[in-house]
Amino acid sequence: MTSRERMLTALHNQRPDRLPCQVHGWMQYYLDHYLGGMDWYQANAKFGMDYAIYISPDYSYDDHTLARWQRQRVDRGVNADGDHCWEETIITPKGHLHHQGRWNEITGWETESLVKTDRDFELWKEFYPVPVAADFTKIRQAREKLGDQGIVRSHPFSPGQGSPWQSFCILVGTEEAIMLTQDQPDFVHYALRDILEKTLRVTALWKGTPADMVETGGGAGSNTVISPKLHQEFCLPYDQKQHAALHEVGVKIVYHLCGGVMKMLDLVAQNGADGLETMTPPTMGGDCDLREASRRVGDKLFFIGGFDQNAGFEHGTPQRARQLVFDCFAATKDHAGYILAPSDHFFHGDPACLQAFADAARECVY
């Protein structure tokens, strides 16, 4: 099989020739500090992995819509920890919104959420720009460049990440979102419906996308963050509608829960996704038992992830990386719809460990 055939076979929850492998996106920090500034294609080629290239559509907006959402971003310099600080005011015809955050060489984060009151949400609801057209040029170019070497993944249009609940958590803050489910559940559903409506409007523009798969969900839906009861009420019905729309435009769906998954397995199997990631093990802060997950829902969902990048890459040895690959293969081979991958991003690690990871995957023949 070619790499593309191998990956697509796994996405259909079928048995490829051998275990496909990818990383969960190449972090620029790792590329710069360990691989001499390689790009994603060069890094995949170096190790002989199956390519998973992440590219989403470019969007066009109505000028009138953009004029009613004016961003004024201010650089606040570098703090004592070496973090770059920023704040941003968004000016709308009916009032202002404000948030702030920080970034460093590894990642970025917000220190003040954009939506802090019901009034803030009403401003966001009325004026947040929604695209009127989608351009697939970059996705098409990536597919052409890839040839038979792998697949293209996209992210859905959403004001945060992945799915309505995750986006709501990014808008208001995760702890605040959880509190609101108890104090103002009607408001939470009101907000989720609006987020979903915006996402569905843009998803309709995706017809003809050359992408193979889209990543929905988000760690805020994991059972290390919320209970199955909250997931069932505030994630499941909105995920089902979003997934139905994505299937209509012809892409496979992987549901991303970068945390606890074992109490959510049956719910994910109901939400219309084709697969589940990142299968994070307890040693990385999740709770995934790959063998048990495969036994319970492996006939319904393909899996991506499960490899402990801390033990295998960041603090590992080539020998340890190899053993972890074989452990993942043994746990999932009975159902075989599995793509080996780190359970999330990594920023450090001897490239020899990555080479051992890729080499071991080639030895895992079904």
Protein backbone atom coordinates (compact mmCIF):
# COMPACT_ATOMS: atom_id res chain seq x y z
CA MET A 1 0.00 0.00 0.00
CA THR A 2 1.02 3.61 -0.47
CA SER A 3 1.01 5.87 2.59
CA ARG A 4 -2.18 7.49 1.38
CA GLU A 5 -3.91 4.15 0.89
CA ARG A 6 -2.70 3.02 4.31
CA MET A 7 -4.02 6.14 6.06
CA LEU A 8 -7.36 6.13 4.25
CA THR A 9 -7.84 2.45 5.04
CA ALA A 10 -7.41 3.25 8.74
CA LEU A 11 -9.85 6.19 8.43
CA HIS A 12 -12.42 3.72 7.12
CA ASN A 13 -11.72 1.58 10.21
CA GLN A 14 -10.31 -1.20 8.08
CA ARG A 15 -7.08 -3.20 8.11
CA PRO A 16 -4.11 -1.73 6.17
CA ASP A 17 -0.93 -3.59 5.28
CA ARG A 18 0.90 -2.34 8.36
CA LEU A 19 0.60 0.20 11.15
CA PRO A 20 0.40 3.78 9.79
CA CYS A 21 2.11 6.48 11.85
CA GLN A 22 2.09 10.26 12.05
CA VAL A 23 2.80 13.01 14.57
CA HIS A 24 0.05 15.24 15.92
CA GLY A 25 1.31 18.22 13.96
CA TRP A 26 4.93 19.37 13.88
CA MET A 27 5.57 22.14 16.38
CA GLN A 28 7.71 24.97 15.02
CA TYR A 29 9.78 24.89 18.21
CA TYR A 30 10.79 21.27 17.53
CA LEU A 31 11.46 21.91 13.85
CA ASP A 32 13.69 24.89 14.66
CA HIS A 33 15.57 23.47 17.66
CA TYR A 34 15.96 19.82 16.67
CA LEU A 35 15.54 19.57 12.89
CA GLY A 36 17.36 22.64 11.61
CA GLY A 37 14.25 24.52 10.54
CA MET A 38 12.76 21.81 8.33
CA ASP A 39 9.17 22.16 7.16
CA TRP A 40 6.48 19.52 7.75
CA TYR A 41 7.12 17.74 4.45
CA GLN A 42 10.86 17.54 5.06
CA ALA A 43 10.38 16.29 8.62
CA ASN A 44 8.01 13.53 7.54
CA ALA A 45 10.40 12.54 4.75
CA LYS A 46 13.38 12.45 7.13
CA PHE A 47 11.77 9.82 9.34
CA GLY A 48 9.72 8.01 6.69
CA MET A 49 6.37 8.66 8.37
CA ASP A 50 2.96 8.67 6.76
CA TYR A 51 2.14 12.31 6.10
CA ALA A 52 -0.74 14.09 7.82
CA ILE A 53 -0.70 17.71 6.69
CA TYR A 54 -3.01 20.15 8.52
CA ILE A 55 -4.46 22.85 6.25
CA SER A 56 -7.83 24.59 6.52
CA PRO A 57 -9.64 26.73 3.91
CA ASP A 58 -8.96 30.42 3.47
CA TYR A 59 -12.09 32.49 4.01
CA SER A 60 -13.51 35.68 2.51
CA TYR A 61 -15.64 38.14 4.44
CA ASP A 62 -18.11 40.85 3.54
CA ASP A 63 -16.46 44.27 3.96
CA HIS A 64 -19.46 45.60 5.88
CA THR A 65 -19.17 42.73 8.37
CA LEU A 66 -15.47 43.36 8.94
CA ALA A 67 -16.07 47.08 9.41
CA ARG A 68 -18.32 46.28 12.37
CA TRP A 69 -15.60 44.18 14.09
CA GLN A 70 -12.55 46.40 14.38
CA ARG A 71 -9.55 44.91 16.21
CA GLN A 72 -7.11 47.17 18.04
CA ARG A 73 -4.24 45.04 19.31
CA VAL A 74 -1.50 46.47 21.53
CA ASP A 75 1.89 44.88 22.22
CA ARG A 76 2.62 45.16 25.96
CA GLY A 77 6.22 43.96 25.73
CA VAL A 78 7.99 41.11 27.50
CA ASN A 79 7.42 40.30 31.16
CA ALA A 80 9.89 39.00 33.77
CA ASP A 81 9.25 35.40 32.66
CA GLY A 82 10.16 36.22 29.07
CA ASP A 83 6.55 35.99 27.85
CA HIS A 84 5.33 38.40 25.20
CA CYS A 85 2.19 40.17 26.42
CA TRP A 86 -0.67 41.64 24.39
CA GLU A 87 -4.14 43.04 24.82
CA GLU A 88 -6.85 43.65 22.27
CA THR A 89 -9.99 45.76 22.14
CA ILE A 90 -12.68 44.89 19.62
CA ILE A 91 -14.87 47.81 18.60
CA THR A 92 -18.42 47.12 17.45
CA PRO A 93 -21.25 49.57 16.68
CA LYS A 94 -22.86 48.82 20.05
CA GLY A 95 -19.87 48.53 22.38
CA HIS A 96 -16.42 47.15 23.02
CA LEU A 97 -15.02 43.74 23.90
CA HIS A 98 -11.62 43.21 25.48
CA HIS A 99 -9.22 40.35 26.08
CA GLN A 100 -5.52 39.82 26.65
CA GLY A 101 -2.92 37.10 26.63
CA ARG A 102 0.67 36.01 26.30
CA TRP A 103 2.87 33.92 24.05
CA ASN A 104 6.33 32.44 24.07
CA GLU A 105 8.43 30.33 21.77
CA ILE A 106 6.41 27.23 22.58
CA THR A 107 2.77 28.35 22.73
CA GLY A 108 0.28 31.14 23.36
CA TRP A 109 -2.59 31.53 25.82
CA GLU A 110 -5.22 34.00 27.00
CA THR A 111 -5.13 35.55 30.46
CA GLU A 112 -8.47 37.35 30.05
CA SER A 113 -11.41 35.84 28.19
CA LEU A 114 -13.24 37.81 25.52
CA VAL A 115 -16.78 37.17 26.81
CA LYS A 116 -17.34 38.02 30.47
CA THR A 117 -21.03 39.00 30.63
CA ASP A 118 -24.32 38.25 28.87
CA ARG A 119 -23.99 41.65 27.19
CA ASP A 120 -20.54 40.68 25.87
CA PHE A 121 -22.02 37.58 24.32
CA GLU A 122 -24.77 39.57 22.64
CA LEU A 123 -22.11 41.81 21.06
CA TRP A 124 -20.17 38.75 19.94
CA LYS A 125 -23.34 37.08 18.63
CA GLU A 126 -24.36 40.08 16.54
CA PHE A 127 -21.02 41.22 15.18
CA TYR A 128 -18.55 38.31 15.09
CA PRO A 129 -17.55 37.98 11.40
CA VAL A 130 -18.73 34.87 9.57
CA PRO A 131 -17.20 34.05 6.16
CA VAL A 132 -19.20 34.28 2.95
CA ALA A 133 -16.85 32.13 0.81
CA ALA A 134 -14.21 29.43 1.27
CA ASP A 135 -11.08 29.03 -0.86
CA PHE A 136 -9.56 25.54 -1.10
CA THR A 137 -6.48 26.52 -3.10
CA LYS A 138 -3.96 25.72 -0.34
CA ILE A 139 -5.65 22.40 0.43
CA ARG A 140 -5.63 21.48 -3.25
CA GLN A 141 -1.95 22.40 -3.55
CA ALA A 142 -1.14 20.27 -0.51
CA ARG A 143 -2.99 17.29 -1.98
CA GLU A 144 -1.07 17.67 -5.22
CA LYS A 145 2.25 17.97 -3.37
CA LEU A 146 1.45 14.96 -1.20
CA GLY A 147 0.54 12.64 -4.04
CA ASP A 148 0.34 9.17 -2.51
CA GLN A 149 2.34 10.08 0.61
CA GLY A 150 -0.53 10.82 2.99
CA ILE A 151 -3.66 12.81 3.83
CA VAL A 152 -4.79 16.39 4.47
CA ARG A 153 -6.58 17.29 7.70
CA SER A 154 -8.59 20.48 8.27
CA HIS A 155 -10.13 22.25 11.22
CA PRO A 156 -13.75 23.41 11.10
CA PHE A 157 -14.71 27.05 11.21
CA SER A 158 -15.39 27.83 14.84
CA PRO A 159 -14.76 30.83 17.10
CA GLY A 160 -12.54 28.68 19.30
CA GLN A 161 -11.62 25.13 18.42
CA GLY A 162 -13.36 22.10 17.04
CA SER A 163 -16.90 22.06 18.35
CA PRO A 164 -19.44 24.35 20.04
CA TRP A 165 -18.64 23.39 23.66
CA GLN A 166 -14.90 23.81 23.18
CA SER A 167 -15.43 27.15 21.45
CA PHE A 168 -17.73 28.33 24.23
CA CYS A 169 -15.06 27.43 26.78
CA ILE A 170 -12.50 29.48 24.87
CA LEU A 171 -14.85 32.47 24.65
CA VAL A 172 -15.75 32.56 28.37
CA GLY A 173 -13.09 30.41 30.07
CA THR A 174 -13.39 26.72 30.92
CA GLU A 175 -14.12 27.09 34.64
CA GLU A 176 -16.65 29.82 33.99
CA ALA A 177 -18.32 27.69 31.31
CA ILE A 178 -18.71 24.80 33.74
CA MET A 179 -20.19 27.11 36.37
CA LEU A 180 -22.64 28.51 33.82
CA THR A 181 -23.94 25.01 33.05
CA GLN A 182 -25.14 24.93 36.65
CA ASP A 183 -26.16 28.56 37.17
CA GLN A 184 -27.46 29.51 33.70
CA PRO A 185 -27.96 26.34 31.64
CA ASP A 186 -30.47 28.04 29.34
CA PHE A 187 -27.90 30.70 28.49
CA VAL A 188 -25.28 28.04 27.75
CA HIS A 189 -27.63 26.30 25.32
CA TYR A 190 -28.50 29.67 23.77
CA ALA A 191 -24.79 30.36 23.21
CA LEU A 192 -24.06 26.87 21.91
CA ARG A 193 -26.91 27.09 19.40
CA ASP A 194 -25.52 30.34 18.04
CA ILE A 195 -21.97 29.00 17.81
CA LEU A 196 -23.29 25.91 16.01
CA GLU A 197 -25.38 28.02 13.62
CA LYS A 198 -22.31 30.01 12.60
CA THR A 199 -20.30 26.82 12.13
CA LEU A 200 -23.02 25.19 10.01
CA ARG A 201 -23.26 28.25 7.77
CA VAL A 202 -19.57 27.98 6.99
CA THR A 203 -19.59 24.19 6.73
CA ALA A 204 -22.08 24.55 3.86
CA LEU A 205 -19.30 26.43 2.02
CA TRP A 206 -17.03 23.39 2.28
CA LYS A 207 -18.68 21.48 -0.58
CA GLY A 208 -15.90 20.30 -2.85
CA THR A 209 -13.14 20.49 -0.25
CA PRO A 210 -10.14 18.33 -1.16
CA ALA A 211 -9.45 17.63 2.54
CA ASP A 212 -9.68 14.03 3.69
CA MET A 213 -10.56 14.58 7.33
CA VAL A 214 -11.63 17.25 9.80
CA GLU A 215 -10.86 17.45 13.52
CA THR A 216 -13.71 18.37 15.85
CA GLY A 217 -14.16 18.22 19.62
CA GLY A 218 -11.57 19.56 22.04
CA GLY A 219 -10.05 18.80 25.41
CA ALA A 220 -12.74 20.73 27.30
CA GLY A 221 -15.14 17.87 26.52
CA SER A 222 -12.90 15.23 28.09
CA ASN A 223 -13.95 13.40 31.23
CA THR A 224 -10.95 14.87 33.05
CA VAL A 225 -12.70 18.26 32.59
CA ILE A 226 -16.46 17.60 32.61
CA SER A 227 -18.71 14.74 33.61
CA PRO A 228 -20.39 12.36 31.16
CA LYS A 229 -23.70 13.95 32.16
CA LEU A 230 -22.52 17.41 31.14
CA HIS A 231 -21.00 16.01 27.95
CA GLN A 232 -24.28 14.34 27.06
CA GLU A 233 -26.23 17.57 27.54
CA PHE A 234 -23.85 20.26 26.32
CA CYS A 235 -21.69 18.44 23.75
CA LEU A 236 -23.53 15.50 22.20
CA PRO A 237 -26.57 17.17 20.52
CA TYR A 238 -24.45 19.95 19.00
CA ASP A 239 -21.71 17.55 17.90
CA GLN A 240 -24.29 15.36 16.16
CA LYS A 241 -25.58 18.27 14.07
CA GLN A 242 -22.10 19.49 13.21
CA HIS A 243 -20.92 16.02 12.24
CA ALA A 244 -23.94 15.41 10.02
CA ALA A 245 -23.13 18.62 8.12
CA LEU A 246 -19.46 17.68 7.75
CA HIS A 247 -20.38 14.25 6.41
CA GLU A 248 -22.61 15.94 3.85
CA VAL A 249 -19.56 17.72 2.41
CA GLY A 250 -17.64 14.45 2.24
CA VAL A 251 -14.97 14.43 4.95
CA LYS A 252 -14.11 11.90 7.61
CA ILE A 253 -14.31 13.17 11.19
CA VAL A 254 -11.96 12.52 14.09
CA TYR A 255 -13.21 13.68 17.48
CA HIS A 256 -10.43 15.17 19.59
CA LEU A 257 -10.48 14.56 23.35
CA CYS A 258 -6.97 15.32 24.64
CA GLY A 259 -7.68 14.15 28.17
CA GLY A 260 -9.88 11.51 29.74
CA VAL A 261 -11.85 9.43 27.21
CA MET A 262 -12.86 6.18 28.87
CA LYS A 263 -16.12 7.54 30.33
CA MET A 264 -16.93 9.20 26.97
CA LEU A 265 -16.40 6.26 24.61
CA ASP A 266 -20.07 5.40 24.21
CA LEU A 267 -21.01 9.07 23.79
CA VAL A 268 -18.43 9.58 21.04
CA ALA A 269 -19.76 6.47 19.35
CA GLN A 270 -23.16 8.21 19.26
CA ASN A 271 -22.05 11.64 18.02
CA GLY A 272 -21.47 10.71 14.37
CA ALA A 273 -17.66 10.92 14.36
CA ASP A 274 -15.72 8.29 12.44
CA GLY A 275 -12.77 8.23 14.83
CA LEU A 276 -11.38 9.37 18.16
CA GLU A 277 -8.07 10.94 19.22
CA THR A 278 -5.75 11.49 21.10
CA MET A 279 -6.15 8.38 23.32
CA THR A 280 -4.00 10.00 26.01
CA PRO A 281 -2.57 7.47 28.51
CA PRO A 282 -2.57 7.99 32.30
CA THR A 283 1.15 8.79 32.20
CA MET A 284 0.30 11.87 30.12
CA GLY A 285 -2.65 13.00 32.25
CA GLY A 286 -5.42 11.15 30.44
CA ASP A 287 -7.02 7.82 31.27
CA CYS A 288 -6.97 5.87 28.02
CA ASP A 289 -6.59 2.11 28.10
CA LEU A 290 -6.08 1.42 24.41
CA ARG A 291 -6.84 -2.27 24.66
CA GLU A 292 -10.08 -1.70 26.56
CA ALA A 293 -11.12 1.17 24.28
CA SER A 294 -10.51 -1.01 21.25
CA ARG A 295 -12.56 -3.82 22.77
CA ARG A 296 -15.47 -1.52 23.58
CA VAL A 297 -15.78 0.72 20.51
CA GLY A 298 -13.06 -0.37 18.08
CA ASP A 299 -15.68 -1.76 15.73
CA LYS A 300 -17.33 1.69 15.53
CA LEU A 301 -14.43 4.18 15.68
CA PHE A 302 -10.89 4.34 14.36
CA PHE A 303 -8.28 5.69 16.77
CA ILE A 304 -5.36 8.10 16.36
CA GLY A 305 -2.78 8.58 19.11
CA GLY A 306 -2.05 6.65 22.28
CA PHE A 307 1.74 6.94 22.16
CA ASP A 308 3.28 8.50 25.29
CA GLN A 309 5.45 11.22 23.77
CA ASN A 310 6.86 12.12 27.16
CA ALA A 311 8.25 8.66 27.83
CA GLY A 312 8.99 7.88 24.19
CA PHE A 313 10.33 11.19 22.82
CA GLU A 314 10.94 13.94 25.37
CA HIS A 315 12.55 11.75 28.06
CA GLY A 316 12.91 8.56 26.06
CA THR A 317 15.41 6.37 24.31
CA PRO A 318 15.07 4.69 20.91
CA GLN A 319 14.58 1.37 22.69
CA ARG A 320 11.79 2.77 24.84
CA ALA A 321 10.12 4.38 21.84
CA ARG A 322 10.16 1.05 19.98
CA GLN A 323 8.60 -0.80 22.88
CA LEU A 324 5.82 1.77 23.23
CA VAL A 325 5.00 1.39 19.53
CA PHE A 326 4.74 -2.38 19.88
CA ASP A 327 2.54 -1.94 22.96
CA CYS A 328 0.16 0.34 21.04
CA PHE A 329 0.02 -2.10 18.13
CA ALA A 330 -0.72 -5.07 20.37
CA ALA A 331 -3.53 -3.16 22.09
CA THR A 332 -5.32 -2.18 18.86
CA LYS A 333 -4.50 -4.77 16.20
CA ASP A 334 -7.67 -6.80 16.68
CA HIS A 335 -9.73 -3.99 15.15
CA ALA A 336 -6.95 -2.37 13.11
CA GLY A 337 -8.54 1.02 12.44
CA TYR A 338 -5.61 2.71 14.13
CA ILE A 339 -3.03 5.36 13.26
CA LEU A 340 -0.09 5.47 15.63
CA ALA A 341 0.64 9.01 16.84
CA PRO A 342 1.83 10.86 19.93
CA SER A 343 -1.07 11.61 22.24
CA ASP A 344 -0.53 15.33 21.63
CA HIS A 345 2.17 17.85 20.73
CA PHE A 346 5.80 17.50 21.76
CA PHE A 347 8.57 20.08 21.88
CA HIS A 348 11.70 18.17 22.87
CA GLY A 349 13.31 14.81 22.20
CA ASP A 350 16.20 13.13 20.46
CA PRO A 351 15.37 12.69 16.75
CA ALA A 352 16.72 9.16 17.11
CA CYS A 353 13.63 8.39 19.20
CA LEU A 354 11.37 9.63 16.38
CA GLN A 355 13.28 7.47 13.93
CA ALA A 356 12.81 4.45 16.18
CA PHE A 357 9.08 5.28 16.40
CA ALA A 358 8.69 5.33 12.61
CA ASP A 359 10.90 2.27 12.06
CA ALA A 360 8.98 0.23 14.62
CA ALA A 361 5.66 1.11 12.98
CA ARG A 362 6.92 -0.38 9.72
CA GLU A 363 7.59 -3.63 11.56
CA CYS A 364 4.00 -3.84 12.80
CA VAL A 365 2.43 -5.84 9.97
CA TYR A 366 -1.19 -6.95 10.13
